[in-house]
Amino acid sequence: GHGKYIIVLDEKAGDDAANTLRDNIHKEGGSAESSIKIGSSYHAIPATLPDSMLQNFTAHPHIKYIEPDGEVSIQAQGILAAQKK
């Protein structure tokens, strides 16, 4: 299935990294809105992701964390919980 998430990038990720990530999300069949700046150093990207993409993102070098935005599938909850350990 698909779920809505907020993807937060780390402080080393600049605009280019945020744009590349958004392009990748679109290529994989998800959708991503424009990134939002949090303070001076973090980007947050509201996105709708296929569950299959979540697994790949846990290893992404620039992603600080991903949090559910609203309701999330059970499978996705398991992936997110595993990521926090």
C-alpha atoms as a PDB file:
ATOM      1  CA  GLY A   1       0.000   0.000   0.000  1.00  0.00           C
ATOM      2  CA  HIS A   2       0.856   3.667   0.206  1.00  0.00           C
ATOM      3  CA  GLY A   3       1.217   5.912   3.223  1.00  0.00           C
ATOM      4  CA  LYS A   4       1.668   9.602   3.927  1.00  0.00           C
ATOM      5  CA  TYR A   5       4.880  10.586   5.669  1.00  0.00           C
ATOM      6  CA  ILE A   6       7.015  13.530   6.612  1.00  0.00           C
ATOM      7  CA  ILE A   7      10.616  12.846   5.587  1.00  0.00           C
ATOM      8  CA  VAL A   8      13.098  14.908   7.588  1.00  0.00           C
ATOM      9  CA  LEU A   9      16.569  15.313   6.108  1.00  0.00           C
ATOM     10  CA  ASP A  10      19.678  15.898   8.197  1.00  0.00           C
ATOM     11  CA  GLU A  11      21.512  19.215   8.408  1.00  0.00           C
ATOM     12  CA  LYS A  12      24.078  18.151   5.775  1.00  0.00           C
ATOM     13  CA  ALA A  13      21.391  17.690   3.131  1.00  0.00           C
ATOM     14  CA  GLY A  14      21.103  20.815   1.010  1.00  0.00           C
ATOM     15  CA  ASP A  15      18.505  21.824  -1.570  1.00  0.00           C
ATOM     16  CA  ASP A  16      20.076  19.511  -4.168  1.00  0.00           C
ATOM     17  CA  ALA A  17      19.707  16.472  -1.918  1.00  0.00           C
ATOM     18  CA  ALA A  18      16.085  17.384  -1.196  1.00  0.00           C
ATOM     19  CA  ASN A  19      15.320  17.805  -4.914  1.00  0.00           C
ATOM     20  CA  THR A  20      17.046  14.530  -5.833  1.00  0.00           C
ATOM     21  CA  LEU A  21      15.058  12.706  -3.181  1.00  0.00           C
ATOM     22  CA  ARG A  22      11.806  14.185  -4.491  1.00  0.00           C
ATOM     23  CA  ASP A  23      12.715  13.056  -8.035  1.00  0.00           C
ATOM     24  CA  ASN A  24      13.412   9.528  -6.768  1.00  0.00           C
ATOM     25  CA  ILE A  25      10.080   9.401  -4.953  1.00  0.00           C
ATOM     26  CA  HIS A  26       8.243  10.360  -8.169  1.00  0.00           C
ATOM     27  CA  LYS A  27      10.179   7.721 -10.165  1.00  0.00           C
ATOM     28  CA  GLU A  28       9.174   5.018  -7.670  1.00  0.00           C
ATOM     29  CA  GLY A  29       5.487   5.858  -7.986  1.00  0.00           C
ATOM     30  CA  GLY A  30       5.120   8.053  -4.914  1.00  0.00           C
ATOM     31  CA  SER A  31       4.452  11.764  -4.704  1.00  0.00           C
ATOM     32  CA  ALA A  32       6.344  14.452  -2.838  1.00  0.00           C
ATOM     33  CA  GLU A  33       5.540  18.071  -2.148  1.00  0.00           C
ATOM     34  CA  SER A  34       8.061  20.897  -1.999  1.00  0.00           C
ATOM     35  CA  SER A  35      10.429  20.639   0.918  1.00  0.00           C
ATOM     36  CA  ILE A  36       9.780  22.847   3.924  1.00  0.00           C
ATOM     37  CA  LYS A  37      12.695  24.423   5.774  1.00  0.00           C
ATOM     38  CA  ILE A  38      12.732  23.740   9.520  1.00  0.00           C
ATOM     39  CA  GLY A  39      14.927  26.353  11.139  1.00  0.00           C
ATOM     40  CA  SER A  40      18.087  27.019   9.170  1.00  0.00           C
ATOM     41  CA  SER A  41      19.371  23.504   8.668  1.00  0.00           C
ATOM     42  CA  TYR A  42      16.642  20.890   8.182  1.00  0.00           C
ATOM     43  CA  HIS A  43      14.374  20.091   5.252  1.00  0.00           C
ATOM     44  CA  ALA A  44      11.067  18.280   5.707  1.00  0.00           C
ATOM     45  CA  ILE A  45       9.327  16.749   2.701  1.00  0.00           C
ATOM     46  CA  PRO A  46       5.659  15.754   2.927  1.00  0.00           C
ATOM     47  CA  ALA A  47       5.330  12.662   0.734  1.00  0.00           C
ATOM     48  CA  THR A  48       3.098   9.753  -0.180  1.00  0.00           C
ATOM     49  CA  LEU A  49       5.270   6.651  -0.436  1.00  0.00           C
ATOM     50  CA  PRO A  50       4.686   3.063  -1.510  1.00  0.00           C
ATOM     51  CA  ASP A  51       5.459   0.736   1.432  1.00  0.00           C
ATOM     52  CA  SER A  52       8.310  -0.755  -0.632  1.00  0.00           C
ATOM     53  CA  MET A  53      10.166   2.581  -0.623  1.00  0.00           C
ATOM     54  CA  LEU A  54      10.219   2.874   3.167  1.00  0.00           C
ATOM     55  CA  GLN A  55      12.626  -0.025   3.466  1.00  0.00           C
ATOM     56  CA  ASN A  56      15.105   1.683   1.102  1.00  0.00           C
ATOM     57  CA  PHE A  57      14.864   4.972   2.949  1.00  0.00           C
ATOM     58  CA  THR A  58      15.982   3.559   6.278  1.00  0.00           C
ATOM     59  CA  ALA A  59      19.473   3.302   4.734  1.00  0.00           C
ATOM     60  CA  HIS A  60      19.416   6.687   2.949  1.00  0.00           C
ATOM     61  CA  PRO A  61      22.426   8.788   4.058  1.00  0.00           C
ATOM     62  CA  HIS A  62      20.579  12.130   4.236  1.00  0.00           C
ATOM     63  CA  ILE A  63      17.348  11.035   5.896  1.00  0.00           C
ATOM     64  CA  LYS A  64      17.356  11.856   9.602  1.00  0.00           C
ATOM     65  CA  TYR A  65      13.973  10.238  10.222  1.00  0.00           C
ATOM     66  CA  ILE A  66      10.589   9.556   8.659  1.00  0.00           C
ATOM     67  CA  GLU A  67       7.412  10.046  10.600  1.00  0.00           C
ATOM     68  CA  PRO A  68       3.882   9.028   9.690  1.00  0.00           C
ATOM     69  CA  ASP A  69       1.568  11.823   8.591  1.00  0.00           C
ATOM     70  CA  GLY A  70      -1.888  10.682   9.615  1.00  0.00           C
ATOM     71  CA  GLU A  71      -2.847   7.033   9.184  1.00  0.00           C
ATOM     72  CA  VAL A  72      -0.203   4.485   8.250  1.00  0.00           C
ATOM     73  CA  SER A  73      -0.483   0.865   7.158  1.00  0.00           C
ATOM     74  CA  ILE A  74       0.410  -1.857   9.671  1.00  0.00           C
ATOM     75  CA  GLN A  75       3.369  -2.988   7.534  1.00  0.00           C
ATOM     76  CA  ALA A  76       4.746   0.556   7.413  1.00  0.00           C
ATOM     77  CA  GLN A  77       4.381   0.929  11.191  1.00  0.00           C
ATOM     78  CA  GLY A  78       6.565  -2.148  11.646  1.00  0.00           C
ATOM     79  CA  ILE A  79       9.271  -0.736   9.366  1.00  0.00           C
ATOM     80  CA  LEU A  80       9.230   2.626  11.147  1.00  0.00           C
ATOM     81  CA  ALA A  81       9.380   0.980  14.574  1.00  0.00           C
ATOM     82  CA  ALA A  82      12.352  -1.160  13.516  1.00  0.00           C
ATOM     83  CA  GLN A  83      14.143   1.947  12.242  1.00  0.00           C
ATOM     84  CA  LYS A  84      14.021   3.659  15.656  1.00  0.00           C
ATOM     85  CA  LYS A  85      15.764   0.843  17.575  1.00  0.00           C
END
